[in-house]
PDB file of N, CA and C in Angstrom:
ATOM      1  N   MET A   1      86.344 302.425 158.842  1.00  0.00           N
ATOM      2  CA  MET A   1      86.338 300.990 158.979  1.00  0.00           C
ATOM      3  C   MET A   1      85.145 300.590 159.850  1.00  0.00           C
ATOM      4  N   ASN A   2      84.563 299.482 159.540  1.00  0.00           N
ATOM      5  CA  ASN A   2      83.407 298.986 160.281  1.00  0.00           C
ATOM      6  C   ASN A   2      83.820 297.837 161.193  1.00  0.00           C
ATOM      7  N   GLY A   3      84.559 298.180 162.230  1.00  0.00           N
ATOM      8  CA  GLY A   3      85.035 297.172 163.172  1.00  0.00           C
ATOM      9  C   GLY A   3      83.913 296.561 163.989  1.00  0.00           C
ATOM     10  N   TRP A   4      82.858 297.314 164.233  1.00  0.00           N
ATOM     11  CA  TRP A   4      81.761 296.784 165.036  1.00  0.00           C
ATOM     12  C   TRP A   4      81.003 295.696 164.297  1.00  0.00           C
ATOM     13  N   LYS A   5      80.964 295.768 162.943  1.00  0.00           N
ATOM     14  CA  LYS A   5      80.277 294.734 162.167  1.00  0.00           C
ATOM     15  C   LYS A   5      81.035 293.408 162.247  1.00  0.00           C
ATOM     16  N   ILE A   6      82.348 293.474 162.172  1.00  0.00           N
ATOM     17  CA  ILE A   6      83.163 292.260 162.275  1.00  0.00           C
ATOM     18  C   ILE A   6      83.019 291.665 163.668  1.00  0.00           C
ATOM     19  N   THR A   7      83.040 292.526 164.681  1.00  0.00           N
ATOM     20  CA  THR A   7      82.878 292.061 166.057  1.00  0.00           C
ATOM     21  C   THR A   7      81.502 291.432 166.250  1.00  0.00           C
ATOM     22  N   ALA A   8      80.469 292.023 165.684  1.00  0.00           N
ATOM     23  CA  ALA A   8      79.111 291.485 165.813  1.00  0.00           C
ATOM     24  C   ALA A   8      79.012 290.121 165.137  1.00  0.00           C
ATOM     25  N   ILE A   9      79.598 289.958 163.972  1.00  0.00           N
ATOM     26  CA  ILE A   9      79.568 288.682 163.262  1.00  0.00           C
ATOM     27  C   ILE A   9      80.299 287.610 164.058  1.00  0.00           C
ATOM     28  N   VAL A  10      81.448 287.959 164.625  1.00  0.00           N
ATOM     29  CA  VAL A  10      82.210 287.001 165.433  1.00  0.00           C
ATOM     30  C   VAL A  10      81.391 286.568 166.645  1.00  0.00           C
ATOM     31  N   PHE A  11      80.750 287.510 167.328  1.00  0.00           N
ATOM     32  CA  PHE A  11      79.953 287.159 168.498  1.00  0.00           C
ATOM     33  C   PHE A  11      78.715 286.337 168.133  1.00  0.00           C
ATOM     34  N   ILE A  12      78.107 286.614 167.002  1.00  0.00           N
ATOM     35  CA  ILE A  12      76.963 285.815 166.556  1.00  0.00           C
ATOM     36  C   ILE A  12      77.396 284.380 166.275  1.00  0.00           C
ATOM     37  N   ILE A  13      78.534 284.212 165.611  1.00  0.00           N
ATOM     38  CA  ILE A  13      79.047 282.870 165.316  1.00  0.00           C
ATOM     39  C   ILE A  13      79.389 282.145 166.613  1.00  0.00           C
ATOM     40  N   LEU A  14      80.026 282.831 167.555  1.00  0.00           N
ATOM     41  CA  LEU A  14      80.338 282.211 168.840  1.00  0.00           C
ATOM     42  C   LEU A  14      79.080 281.826 169.607  1.00  0.00           C
ATOM     43  N   PHE A  15      78.054 282.650 169.553  1.00  0.00           N
ATOM     44  CA  PHE A  15      76.796 282.340 170.225  1.00  0.00           C
ATOM     45  C   PHE A  15      76.142 281.104 169.626  1.00  0.00           C
ATOM     46  N   ILE A  16      76.159 280.998 168.296  1.00  0.00           N
ATOM     47  CA  ILE A  16      75.575 279.831 167.629  1.00  0.00           C
ATOM     48  C   ILE A  16      76.345 278.569 167.992  1.00  0.00           C
ATOM     49  N   LEU A  17      77.674 278.635 167.995  1.00  0.00           N
ATOM     50  CA  LEU A  17      78.482 277.472 168.356  1.00  0.00           C
ATOM     51  C   LEU A  17      78.251 277.072 169.813  1.00  0.00           C
ATOM     52  N   GLU A  18      78.180 278.044 170.700  1.00  0.00           N
ATOM     53  CA  GLU A  18      77.936 277.753 172.109  1.00  0.00           C
ATOM     54  C   GLU A  18      76.572 277.111 172.312  1.00  0.00           C
ATOM     55  N   THR A  19      75.557 277.611 171.642  1.00  0.00           N
ATOM     56  CA  THR A  19      74.215 277.046 171.744  1.00  0.00           C
ATOM     57  C   THR A  19      74.179 275.615 171.232  1.00  0.00           C
ATOM     58  N   CYS A  20      74.842 275.353 170.120  1.00  0.00           N
ATOM     59  CA  CYS A  20      74.898 273.986 169.585  1.00  0.00           C
ATOM     60  C   CYS A  20      75.609 273.050 170.557  1.00  0.00           C
ATOM     61  N   PHE A  21      76.686 273.506 171.168  1.00  0.00           N
ATOM     62  CA  PHE A  21      77.400 272.687 172.138  1.00  0.00           C
ATOM     63  C   PHE A  21      76.538 272.386 173.355  1.00  0.00           C
ATOM     64  N   LEU A  22      75.833 273.369 173.875  1.00  0.00           N
ATOM     65  CA  LEU A  22      74.984 273.161 175.046  1.00  0.00           C
ATOM     66  C   LEU A  22      73.840 272.193 174.749  1.00  0.00           C
ATOM     67  N   ILE A  23      73.245 272.296 173.575  1.00  0.00           N
ATOM     68  CA  ILE A  23      72.179 271.368 173.184  1.00  0.00           C
ATOM     69  C   ILE A  23      72.733 269.956 173.068  1.00  0.00           C
ATOM     70  N   TRP A  24      73.905 269.800 172.464  1.00  0.00           N
ATOM     71  CA  TRP A  24      74.538 268.485 172.335  1.00  0.00           C
ATOM     72  C   TRP A  24      74.850 267.894 173.702  1.00  0.00           C
ATOM     73  N   ALA A  25      75.406 268.691 174.608  1.00  0.00           N
ATOM     74  CA  ALA A  25      75.763 268.208 175.943  1.00  0.00           C
ATOM     75  C   ALA A  25      74.512 267.825 176.736  1.00  0.00           C
ATOM     76  N   PHE A  26      73.449 268.594 176.621  1.00  0.00           N
ATOM     77  CA  PHE A  26      72.197 268.276 177.307  1.00  0.00           C
ATOM     78  C   PHE A  26      71.615 266.968 176.792  1.00  0.00           C
ATOM     79  N   ASN A  27      71.602 266.785 175.476  1.00  0.00           N
ATOM     80  CA  ASN A  27      71.077 265.546 174.893  1.00  0.00           C
ATOM     81  C   ASN A  27      71.922 264.341 175.289  1.00  0.00           C
ATOM     82  N   LEU A  28      73.224 264.493 175.319  1.00  0.00           N
ATOM     83  CA  LEU A  28      74.107 263.398 175.727  1.00  0.00           C
ATOM     84  C   LEU A  28      73.866 263.017 177.177  1.00  0.00           C
ATOM     85  N   GLY A  29      73.751 263.996 178.055  1.00  0.00           N
ATOM     86  CA  GLY A  29      73.487 263.723 179.462  1.00  0.00           C
ATOM     87  C   GLY A  29      72.141 263.061 179.680  1.00  0.00           C
ATOM     88  N   THR A  30      71.128 263.513 178.968  1.00  0.00           N
ATOM     89  CA  THR A  30      69.805 262.923 179.081  1.00  0.00           C
ATOM     90  C   THR A  30      69.815 261.477 178.610  1.00  0.00           C
ATOM     91  N   GLN A  31      70.512 261.183 177.525  1.00  0.00           N
ATOM     92  CA  GLN A  31      70.593 259.819 177.016  1.00  0.00           C
ATOM     93  C   GLN A  31      71.321 258.906 177.997  1.00  0.00           C
ATOM     94  N   MET A  32      72.376 259.399 178.623  1.00  0.00           N
ATOM     95  CA  MET A  32      73.111 258.605 179.606  1.00  0.00           C
ATOM     96  C   MET A  32      72.231 258.272 180.813  1.00  0.00           C
ATOM     97  N   ILE A  33      71.445 259.231 181.273  1.00  0.00           N
ATOM     98  CA  ILE A  33      70.551 258.996 182.406  1.00  0.00           C
ATOM     99  C   ILE A  33      69.468 257.993 182.019  1.00  0.00           C
ATOM    100  N   GLU A  34      68.908 258.115 180.817  1.00  0.00           N
ATOM    101  CA  GLU A  34      67.885 257.178 180.370  1.00  0.00           C
ATOM    102  C   GLU A  34      68.436 255.760 180.256  1.00  0.00           C
ATOM    103  N   ASN A  35      69.662 255.613 179.755  1.00  0.00           N
ATOM    104  CA  ASN A  35      70.259 254.283 179.637  1.00  0.00           C
ATOM    105  C   ASN A  35      70.514 253.674 181.012  1.00  0.00           C
ATOM    106  N   GLU A  36      70.974 254.463 181.959  1.00  0.00           N
ATOM    107  CA  GLU A  36      71.213 253.931 183.301  1.00  0.00           C
ATOM    108  C   GLU A  36      69.906 253.537 183.974  1.00  0.00           C
ATOM    109  N   ASN A  37      68.863 254.323 183.789  1.00  0.00           N
ATOM    110  CA  ASN A  37      67.558 253.958 184.336  1.00  0.00           C
ATOM    111  C   ASN A  37      67.024 252.690 183.684  1.00  0.00           C
ATOM    112  N   GLU A  38      67.224 252.556 182.387  1.00  0.00           N
ATOM    113  CA  GLU A  38      66.816 251.342 181.676  1.00  0.00           C
ATOM    114  C   GLU A  38      67.530 250.128 182.253  1.00  0.00           C
ATOM    115  N   CYS A  39      68.809 250.278 182.524  1.00  0.00           N
ATOM    116  CA  CYS A  39      69.596 249.190 183.103  1.00  0.00           C
ATOM    117  C   CYS A  39      69.091 248.848 184.499  1.00  0.00           C
ATOM    118  N   ALA A  40      68.868 249.836 185.321  1.00  0.00           N
ATOM    119  CA  ALA A  40      68.485 249.602 186.720  1.00  0.00           C
ATOM    120  C   ALA A  40      67.066 249.075 186.849  1.00  0.00           C
ATOM    121  N   ILE A  41      66.143 249.613 186.085  1.00  0.00           N
ATOM    122  CA  ILE A  41      64.731 249.301 186.286  1.00  0.00           C
ATOM    123  C   ILE A  41      64.277 248.115 185.442  1.00  0.00           C
ATOM    124  N   ASN A  42      64.603 248.101 184.165  1.00  0.00           N
ATOM    125  CA  ASN A  42      64.052 247.082 183.278  1.00  0.00           C
ATOM    126  C   ASN A  42      64.934 245.851 183.125  1.00  0.00           C
ATOM    127  N   VAL A  43      66.237 246.013 183.149  1.00  0.00           N
ATOM    128  CA  VAL A  43      67.123 244.872 182.900  1.00  0.00           C
ATOM    129  C   VAL A  43      67.496 244.171 184.192  1.00  0.00           C
ATOM    130  N   CYS A  44      67.939 244.910 185.195  1.00  0.00           N
ATOM    131  CA  CYS A  44      68.471 244.317 186.430  1.00  0.00           C
ATOM    132  C   CYS A  44      67.510 244.453 187.600  1.00  0.00           C
ATOM    133  N   ASN A  45      66.242 244.362 187.338  1.00  0.00           N
ATOM    134  CA  ASN A  45      65.242 244.533 188.390  1.00  0.00           C
ATOM    135  C   ASN A  45      65.310 243.421 189.427  1.00  0.00           C
ATOM    136  N   ASP A  46      65.590 242.182 189.032  1.00  0.00           N
ATOM    137  CA  ASP A  46      65.574 241.040 189.949  1.00  0.00           C
ATOM    138  C   ASP A  46      66.940 240.712 190.534  1.00  0.00           C
ATOM    139  N   TYR A  47      67.920 241.571 190.343  1.00  0.00           N
ATOM    140  CA  TYR A  47      69.281 241.314 190.821  1.00  0.00           C
ATOM    141  C   TYR A  47      69.615 242.258 191.968  1.00  0.00           C
ATOM    142  N   GLU A  48      70.704 241.953 192.678  1.00  0.00           N
ATOM    143  CA  GLU A  48      71.090 242.770 193.830  1.00  0.00           C
ATOM    144  C   GLU A  48      71.594 244.145 193.420  1.00  0.00           C
ATOM    145  N   THR A  49      72.564 244.168 192.511  1.00  0.00           N
ATOM    146  CA  THR A  49      73.139 245.435 192.077  1.00  0.00           C
ATOM    147  C   THR A  49      73.308 245.420 190.562  1.00  0.00           C
ATOM    148  N   TYR A  50      73.645 246.576 190.031  1.00  0.00           N
ATOM    149  CA  TYR A  50      73.878 246.702 188.604  1.00  0.00           C
ATOM    150  C   TYR A  50      75.025 247.674 188.376  1.00  0.00           C
ATOM    151  N   TYR A  51      75.559 247.618 187.181  1.00  0.00           N
ATOM    152  CA  TYR A  51      76.564 248.587 186.743  1.00  0.00           C
ATOM    153  C   TYR A  51      76.317 248.860 185.278  1.00  0.00           C
ATOM    154  N   TYR A  52      76.224 250.126 184.920  1.00  0.00           N
ATOM    155  CA  TYR A  52      76.049 250.505 183.519  1.00  0.00           C
ATOM    156  C   TYR A  52      77.336 251.139 183.027  1.00  0.00           C
ATOM    157  N   ASP A  53      77.918 250.551 181.984  1.00  0.00           N
ATOM    158  CA  ASP A  53      79.154 251.048 181.389  1.00  0.00           C
ATOM    159  C   ASP A  53      78.797 251.973 180.232  1.00  0.00           C
ATOM    160  N   ASP A  54      79.044 253.275 180.414  1.00  0.00           N
ATOM    161  CA  ASP A  54      78.703 254.262 179.395  1.00  0.00           C
ATOM    162  C   ASP A  54      79.513 254.091 178.121  1.00  0.00           C
ATOM    163  N   TYR A  55      80.757 253.692 178.257  1.00  0.00           N
ATOM    164  CA  TYR A  55      81.644 253.602 177.094  1.00  0.00           C
ATOM    165  C   TYR A  55      81.204 252.484 176.150  1.00  0.00           C
ATOM    166  N   ASN A  56      80.854 251.324 176.694  1.00  0.00           N
ATOM    167  CA  ASN A  56      80.466 250.172 175.875  1.00  0.00           C
ATOM    168  C   ASN A  56      78.959 249.991 175.773  1.00  0.00           C
ATOM    169  N   ASN A  57      78.190 250.807 176.469  1.00  0.00           N
ATOM    170  CA  ASN A  57      76.732 250.691 176.525  1.00  0.00           C
ATOM    171  C   ASN A  57      76.296 249.308 176.980  1.00  0.00           C
ATOM    172  N   MET A  58      77.001 248.774 177.962  1.00  0.00           N
ATOM    173  CA  MET A  58      76.688 247.457 178.500  1.00  0.00           C
ATOM    174  C   MET A  58      76.101 247.602 179.899  1.00  0.00           C
ATOM    175  N   CYS A  59      75.117 246.771 180.182  1.00  0.00           N
ATOM    176  CA  CYS A  59      74.490 246.718 181.496  1.00  0.00           C
ATOM    177  C   CYS A  59      74.874 245.394 182.135  1.00  0.00           C
ATOM    178  N   TYR A  60      75.472 245.466 183.323  1.00  0.00           N
ATOM    179  CA  TYR A  60      75.903 244.277 184.044  1.00  0.00           C
ATOM    180  C   TYR A  60      75.055 244.129 185.303  1.00  0.00           C
ATOM    181  N   CYS A  61      74.516 242.932 185.526  1.00  0.00           N
ATOM    182  CA  CYS A  61      73.723 242.644 186.706  1.00  0.00           C
ATOM    183  C   CYS A  61      74.509 241.695 187.603  1.00  0.00           C
ATOM    184  N   TYR A  62      74.526 241.993 188.891  1.00  0.00           N
ATOM    185  CA  TYR A  62      75.312 241.227 189.848  1.00  0.00           C
ATOM    186  C   TYR A  62      74.404 240.526 190.848  1.00  0.00           C
ATOM    187  N   LEU A  63      74.802 239.305 191.197  1.00  0.00           N
ATOM    188  CA  LEU A  63      74.157 238.541 192.243  1.00  0.00           C
ATOM    189  C   LEU A  63      75.259 237.850 193.024  1.00  0.00           C
ATOM    190  N   ASN A  64      75.341 238.122 194.315  1.00  0.00           N
ATOM    191  CA  ASN A  64      76.422 237.612 195.168  1.00  0.00           C
ATOM    192  C   ASN A  64      77.796 238.013 194.642  1.00  0.00           C
ATOM    193  N   HIS A  65      77.943 239.240 194.226  1.00  0.00           N
ATOM    194  CA  HIS A  65      79.196 239.837 193.763  1.00  0.00           C
ATOM    195  C   HIS A  65      79.744 239.170 192.493  1.00  0.00           C
ATOM    196  N   GLU A  66      78.897 238.531 191.725  1.00  0.00           N
ATOM    197  CA  GLU A  66      79.300 237.927 190.452  1.00  0.00           C
ATOM    198  C   GLU A  66      78.346 238.379 189.358  1.00  0.00           C
ATOM    199  N   ILE A  67      78.910 238.573 188.178  1.00  0.00           N
ATOM    200  CA  ILE A  67      78.080 238.965 187.051  1.00  0.00           C
ATOM    201  C   ILE A  67      77.242 237.767 186.622  1.00  0.00           C
ATOM    202  N   THR A  68      75.933 237.927 186.692  1.00  0.00           N
ATOM    203  CA  THR A  68      75.045 236.841 186.305  1.00  0.00           C
ATOM    204  C   THR A  68      74.302 237.140 185.005  1.00  0.00           C
ATOM    205  N   HIS A  69      74.272 238.401 184.642  1.00  0.00           N
ATOM    206  CA  HIS A  69      73.573 238.776 183.399  1.00  0.00           C
ATOM    207  C   HIS A  69      74.223 240.036 182.856  1.00  0.00           C
ATOM    208  N   GLN A  70      74.386 240.085 181.543  1.00  0.00           N
ATOM    209  CA  GLN A  70      74.867 241.308 180.892  1.00  0.00           C
ATOM    210  C   GLN A  70      74.103 241.494 179.596  1.00  0.00           C
ATOM    211  N   GLU A  71      73.846 242.756 179.288  1.00  0.00           N
ATOM    212  CA  GLU A  71      73.029 243.052 178.116  1.00  0.00           C
ATOM    213  C   GLU A  71      73.509 244.357 177.488  1.00  0.00           C
ATOM    214  N   TYR A  72      73.523 244.377 176.159  1.00  0.00           N
ATOM    215  CA  TYR A  72      73.900 245.577 175.410  1.00  0.00           C
ATOM    216  C   TYR A  72      72.658 246.448 175.250  1.00  0.00           C
ATOM    217  N   LEU A  73      72.775 247.714 175.609  1.00  0.00           N
ATOM    218  CA  LEU A  73      71.659 248.647 175.452  1.00  0.00           C
ATOM    219  C   LEU A  73      71.834 249.504 174.233  1.00  0.00           C
TER     220      LEU A  73
END
């Protein structure tokens, strides 16, 4: 029986799946950081504070603790 061939195929498939997951997670994290920077630097530059909602991709700008501007990124 060639048990080592089956084991090698399983490990190759697991390695490919792991690599795809890591690339996806890296790209997702990079996109989230870019969106938050876009919100902070380009959208809410003239406001006191900002909040970027990752789930809705909304950028909220605050002035005197009130939302004065919101924009979809």
